[in-house]
């Protein structure tokens, strides 16, 4: 009898993929964790007047932090920090930058072990603030729940 109730309870629990949204430069940005290990990617989708693009970031680097910023030249960009938590990983410095209005990837987050903070600062034209991941910050901070074997 208990088994029946347990199975019923499991059947009504919704299965979902964590997603969050922010606005940036007139576009809507949605970020989500991987739905399963079969598709092991964080997804970022930008939908605006002039662009609609989706970007995939592998979950082997298990953190993905995103926020909207303006460069010193006035461009609205997504500042992305896509990093891993292991001892060989760059400490909070594997940045990506996407120009929101065009969808252009200005900097790939492809340096998980040595980082690319200096390149990101050059593109932004300023120092980079640390991500706080506080609810009021307007940032999206994801940590994958998928475990790869």
C-alpha atoms as a PDB file:
ATOM      1  CA  UNK A   1       0.000   0.000   0.000  1.00  0.00           C
ATOM      2  CA  UNK A   2       2.775   2.432   0.902  1.00  0.00           C
ATOM      3  CA  UNK A   3       4.503   1.557  -2.349  1.00  0.00           C
ATOM      4  CA  UNK A   4       1.391   2.644  -4.313  1.00  0.00           C
ATOM      5  CA  UNK A   5       1.288   6.015  -2.563  1.00  0.00           C
ATOM      6  CA  UNK A   6       5.003   6.526  -3.081  1.00  0.00           C
ATOM      7  CA  UNK A   7       4.745   5.781  -6.810  1.00  0.00           C
ATOM      8  CA  UNK A   8       1.710   8.051  -7.106  1.00  0.00           C
ATOM      9  CA  UNK A   9       3.572  10.872  -5.353  1.00  0.00           C
ATOM     10  CA  UNK A  10       6.507  10.476  -7.718  1.00  0.00           C
ATOM     11  CA  UNK A  11       4.210  10.574 -10.727  1.00  0.00           C
ATOM     12  CA  UNK A  12       2.774  13.979  -9.815  1.00  0.00           C
ATOM     13  CA  UNK A  13       6.137  15.668  -9.162  1.00  0.00           C
ATOM     14  CA  UNK A  14       6.873  17.764 -12.249  1.00  0.00           C
ATOM     15  CA  UNK A  15      10.068  17.099 -14.166  1.00  0.00           C
ATOM     16  CA  UNK A  16      11.616  20.344 -15.331  1.00  0.00           C
ATOM     17  CA  UNK A  17      14.843  21.960 -16.383  1.00  0.00           C
ATOM     18  CA  UNK A  18      15.888  24.992 -14.359  1.00  0.00           C
ATOM     19  CA  UNK A  19      15.710  28.161 -16.450  1.00  0.00           C
ATOM     20  CA  UNK A  20      15.950  31.846 -15.649  1.00  0.00           C
ATOM     21  CA  UNK A  21      15.438  35.042 -17.634  1.00  0.00           C
ATOM     22  CA  UNK A  22      16.841  38.560 -17.733  1.00  0.00           C
ATOM     23  CA  UNK A  23      16.518  41.492 -20.107  1.00  0.00           C
ATOM     24  CA  UNK A  24      19.489  43.111 -21.774  1.00  0.00           C
ATOM     25  CA  UNK A  25      19.637  45.884 -24.364  1.00  0.00           C
ATOM     26  CA  UNK A  26      16.013  45.341 -25.370  1.00  0.00           C
ATOM     27  CA  UNK A  27      16.431  41.569 -25.734  1.00  0.00           C
ATOM     28  CA  UNK A  28      15.165  38.734 -23.545  1.00  0.00           C
ATOM     29  CA  UNK A  29      17.863  36.319 -22.415  1.00  0.00           C
ATOM     30  CA  UNK A  30      16.988  32.858 -21.123  1.00  0.00           C
ATOM     31  CA  UNK A  31      19.515  30.490 -19.575  1.00  0.00           C
ATOM     32  CA  UNK A  32      18.920  26.881 -18.582  1.00  0.00           C
ATOM     33  CA  UNK A  33      20.743  23.858 -17.252  1.00  0.00           C
ATOM     34  CA  UNK A  34      21.028  20.660 -19.271  1.00  0.00           C
ATOM     35  CA  UNK A  35      17.873  18.578 -19.355  1.00  0.00           C
ATOM     36  CA  UNK A  36      19.849  15.319 -19.219  1.00  0.00           C
ATOM     37  CA  UNK A  37      23.310  13.821 -19.611  1.00  0.00           C
ATOM     38  CA  UNK A  38      22.367  12.946 -23.212  1.00  0.00           C
ATOM     39  CA  UNK A  39      22.384  16.676 -24.035  1.00  0.00           C
ATOM     40  CA  UNK A  40      25.098  17.932 -21.670  1.00  0.00           C
ATOM     41  CA  UNK A  41      24.876  21.666 -22.343  1.00  0.00           C
ATOM     42  CA  UNK A  42      23.791  24.834 -20.617  1.00  0.00           C
ATOM     43  CA  UNK A  43      21.739  26.878 -23.085  1.00  0.00           C
ATOM     44  CA  UNK A  44      21.583  30.644 -23.463  1.00  0.00           C
ATOM     45  CA  UNK A  45      18.942  32.033 -25.822  1.00  0.00           C
ATOM     46  CA  UNK A  46      18.829  35.680 -26.875  1.00  0.00           C
ATOM     47  CA  UNK A  47      15.627  36.966 -28.474  1.00  0.00           C
ATOM     48  CA  UNK A  48      15.472  40.564 -29.596  1.00  0.00           C
ATOM     49  CA  UNK A  49      14.382  42.751 -32.501  1.00  0.00           C
ATOM     50  CA  UNK A  50      17.495  42.138 -34.550  1.00  0.00           C
ATOM     51  CA  UNK A  51      18.625  38.688 -33.382  1.00  0.00           C
ATOM     52  CA  UNK A  52      17.424  35.336 -32.153  1.00  0.00           C
ATOM     53  CA  UNK A  53      20.214  32.930 -31.252  1.00  0.00           C
ATOM     54  CA  UNK A  54      20.920  30.017 -28.944  1.00  0.00           C
ATOM     55  CA  UNK A  55      24.355  29.184 -27.571  1.00  0.00           C
ATOM     56  CA  UNK A  56      25.406  25.908 -25.944  1.00  0.00           C
ATOM     57  CA  UNK A  57      28.035  25.625 -23.218  1.00  0.00           C
ATOM     58  CA  UNK A  58      29.207  22.198 -22.050  1.00  0.00           C
ATOM     59  CA  UNK A  59      28.365  21.229 -18.487  1.00  0.00           C
ATOM     60  CA  UNK A  60      31.816  19.741 -17.840  1.00  0.00           C
ATOM     61  CA  UNK A  61      32.524  23.281 -16.682  1.00  0.00           C
ATOM     62  CA  UNK A  62      29.751  23.057 -14.128  1.00  0.00           C
ATOM     63  CA  UNK A  63      29.101  26.752 -13.387  1.00  0.00           C
ATOM     64  CA  UNK A  64      27.555  29.326 -15.738  1.00  0.00           C
ATOM     65  CA  UNK A  65      27.106  32.896 -14.493  1.00  0.00           C
ATOM     66  CA  UNK A  66      25.536  35.578 -16.696  1.00  0.00           C
ATOM     67  CA  UNK A  67      24.683  39.259 -16.398  1.00  0.00           C
ATOM     68  CA  UNK A  68      23.953  42.194 -18.674  1.00  0.00           C
ATOM     69  CA  UNK A  69      26.550  44.944 -18.848  1.00  0.00           C
ATOM     70  CA  UNK A  70      27.510  47.858 -21.062  1.00  0.00           C
ATOM     71  CA  UNK A  71      30.986  48.224 -22.481  1.00  0.00           C
ATOM     72  CA  UNK A  72      32.701  51.596 -22.188  1.00  0.00           C
ATOM     73  CA  UNK A  73      31.653  52.169 -25.828  1.00  0.00           C
ATOM     74  CA  UNK A  74      27.982  51.720 -24.886  1.00  0.00           C
ATOM     75  CA  UNK A  75      27.324  48.232 -26.321  1.00  0.00           C
ATOM     76  CA  UNK A  76      24.939  46.008 -24.370  1.00  0.00           C
ATOM     77  CA  UNK A  77      26.626  42.653 -23.808  1.00  0.00           C
ATOM     78  CA  UNK A  78      26.160  39.475 -21.864  1.00  0.00           C
ATOM     79  CA  UNK A  79      29.118  38.887 -19.599  1.00  0.00           C
ATOM     80  CA  UNK A  80      29.432  35.149 -19.050  1.00  0.00           C
ATOM     81  CA  UNK A  81      31.670  33.305 -16.629  1.00  0.00           C
ATOM     82  CA  UNK A  82      31.716  29.586 -17.488  1.00  0.00           C
ATOM     83  CA  UNK A  83      34.016  27.782 -15.107  1.00  0.00           C
ATOM     84  CA  UNK A  84      34.682  24.501 -13.353  1.00  0.00           C
ATOM     85  CA  UNK A  85      35.247  23.885  -9.680  1.00  0.00           C
ATOM     86  CA  UNK A  86      38.253  21.570  -9.730  1.00  0.00           C
ATOM     87  CA  UNK A  87      41.735  22.310  -8.461  1.00  0.00           C
ATOM     88  CA  UNK A  88      43.110  22.674 -11.997  1.00  0.00           C
ATOM     89  CA  UNK A  89      40.496  25.244 -13.050  1.00  0.00           C
ATOM     90  CA  UNK A  90      40.966  28.997 -13.377  1.00  0.00           C
ATOM     91  CA  UNK A  91      39.475  30.705 -10.339  1.00  0.00           C
ATOM     92  CA  UNK A  92      36.434  32.617 -11.557  1.00  0.00           C
ATOM     93  CA  UNK A  93      37.957  33.825 -14.811  1.00  0.00           C
ATOM     94  CA  UNK A  94      36.810  31.930 -17.923  1.00  0.00           C
ATOM     95  CA  UNK A  95      34.773  34.695 -19.546  1.00  0.00           C
ATOM     96  CA  UNK A  96      32.587  34.911 -22.597  1.00  0.00           C
ATOM     97  CA  UNK A  97      31.111  38.102 -24.023  1.00  0.00           C
ATOM     98  CA  UNK A  98      28.177  38.210 -26.430  1.00  0.00           C
ATOM     99  CA  UNK A  99      26.984  41.440 -28.049  1.00  0.00           C
ATOM    100  CA  UNK A 100      23.225  41.326 -27.525  1.00  0.00           C
ATOM    101  CA  UNK A 101      22.063  43.360 -30.542  1.00  0.00           C
ATOM    102  CA  UNK A 102      24.043  41.347 -33.104  1.00  0.00           C
ATOM    103  CA  UNK A 103      24.493  38.019 -31.328  1.00  0.00           C
ATOM    104  CA  UNK A 104      28.241  38.200 -32.027  1.00  0.00           C
ATOM    105  CA  UNK A 105      30.485  36.226 -29.688  1.00  0.00           C
ATOM    106  CA  UNK A 106      33.177  38.781 -28.835  1.00  0.00           C
ATOM    107  CA  UNK A 107      35.025  36.412 -26.503  1.00  0.00           C
ATOM    108  CA  UNK A 108      34.684  32.634 -26.163  1.00  0.00           C
ATOM    109  CA  UNK A 109      34.867  31.152 -22.671  1.00  0.00           C
ATOM    110  CA  UNK A 110      37.475  28.646 -23.835  1.00  0.00           C
ATOM    111  CA  UNK A 111      40.232  29.016 -21.217  1.00  0.00           C
ATOM    112  CA  UNK A 112      38.955  26.976 -18.239  1.00  0.00           C
ATOM    113  CA  UNK A 113      42.417  26.220 -16.889  1.00  0.00           C
ATOM    114  CA  UNK A 114      44.338  29.469 -17.326  1.00  0.00           C
ATOM    115  CA  UNK A 115      41.483  31.991 -17.581  1.00  0.00           C
ATOM    116  CA  UNK A 116      40.995  34.990 -19.865  1.00  0.00           C
ATOM    117  CA  UNK A 117      40.212  37.838 -17.475  1.00  0.00           C
ATOM    118  CA  UNK A 118      42.619  40.286 -19.130  1.00  0.00           C
ATOM    119  CA  UNK A 119      41.028  39.770 -22.578  1.00  0.00           C
ATOM    120  CA  UNK A 120      37.570  40.276 -21.057  1.00  0.00           C
ATOM    121  CA  UNK A 121      38.691  43.517 -19.357  1.00  0.00           C
ATOM    122  CA  UNK A 122      40.112  44.773 -22.663  1.00  0.00           C
ATOM    123  CA  UNK A 123      36.861  44.104 -24.548  1.00  0.00           C
ATOM    124  CA  UNK A 124      34.730  45.619 -21.776  1.00  0.00           C
ATOM    125  CA  UNK A 125      37.097  48.575 -21.412  1.00  0.00           C
ATOM    126  CA  UNK A 126      36.929  48.377 -17.625  1.00  0.00           C
ATOM    127  CA  UNK A 127      37.526  46.256 -14.562  1.00  0.00           C
ATOM    128  CA  UNK A 128      35.133  43.356 -14.058  1.00  0.00           C
ATOM    129  CA  UNK A 129      32.958  43.229 -10.957  1.00  0.00           C
ATOM    130  CA  UNK A 130      32.706  39.863  -9.245  1.00  0.00           C
ATOM    131  CA  UNK A 131      29.427  37.994  -9.665  1.00  0.00           C
ATOM    132  CA  UNK A 132      27.452  38.021  -6.422  1.00  0.00           C
ATOM    133  CA  UNK A 133      24.643  35.631  -7.447  1.00  0.00           C
ATOM    134  CA  UNK A 134      22.324  37.387  -5.014  1.00  0.00           C
ATOM    135  CA  UNK A 135      18.636  37.353  -5.869  1.00  0.00           C
ATOM    136  CA  UNK A 136      18.485  41.146  -6.375  1.00  0.00           C
ATOM    137  CA  UNK A 137      21.638  41.265  -8.526  1.00  0.00           C
ATOM    138  CA  UNK A 138      19.906  40.621 -11.858  1.00  0.00           C
ATOM    139  CA  UNK A 139      22.435  37.862 -12.526  1.00  0.00           C
ATOM    140  CA  UNK A 140      21.702  34.318 -13.583  1.00  0.00           C
ATOM    141  CA  UNK A 141      23.895  31.829 -11.747  1.00  0.00           C
ATOM    142  CA  UNK A 142      23.594  28.176 -12.711  1.00  0.00           C
ATOM    143  CA  UNK A 143      25.344  25.119 -11.336  1.00  0.00           C
ATOM    144  CA  UNK A 144      24.528  21.965 -13.245  1.00  0.00           C
ATOM    145  CA  UNK A 145      22.675  19.190 -11.491  1.00  0.00           C
ATOM    146  CA  UNK A 146      23.683  16.655 -14.145  1.00  0.00           C
ATOM    147  CA  UNK A 147      26.500  14.265 -13.257  1.00  0.00           C
ATOM    148  CA  UNK A 148      28.552  12.955 -16.156  1.00  0.00           C
ATOM    149  CA  UNK A 149      29.926   9.454 -15.903  1.00  0.00           C
END
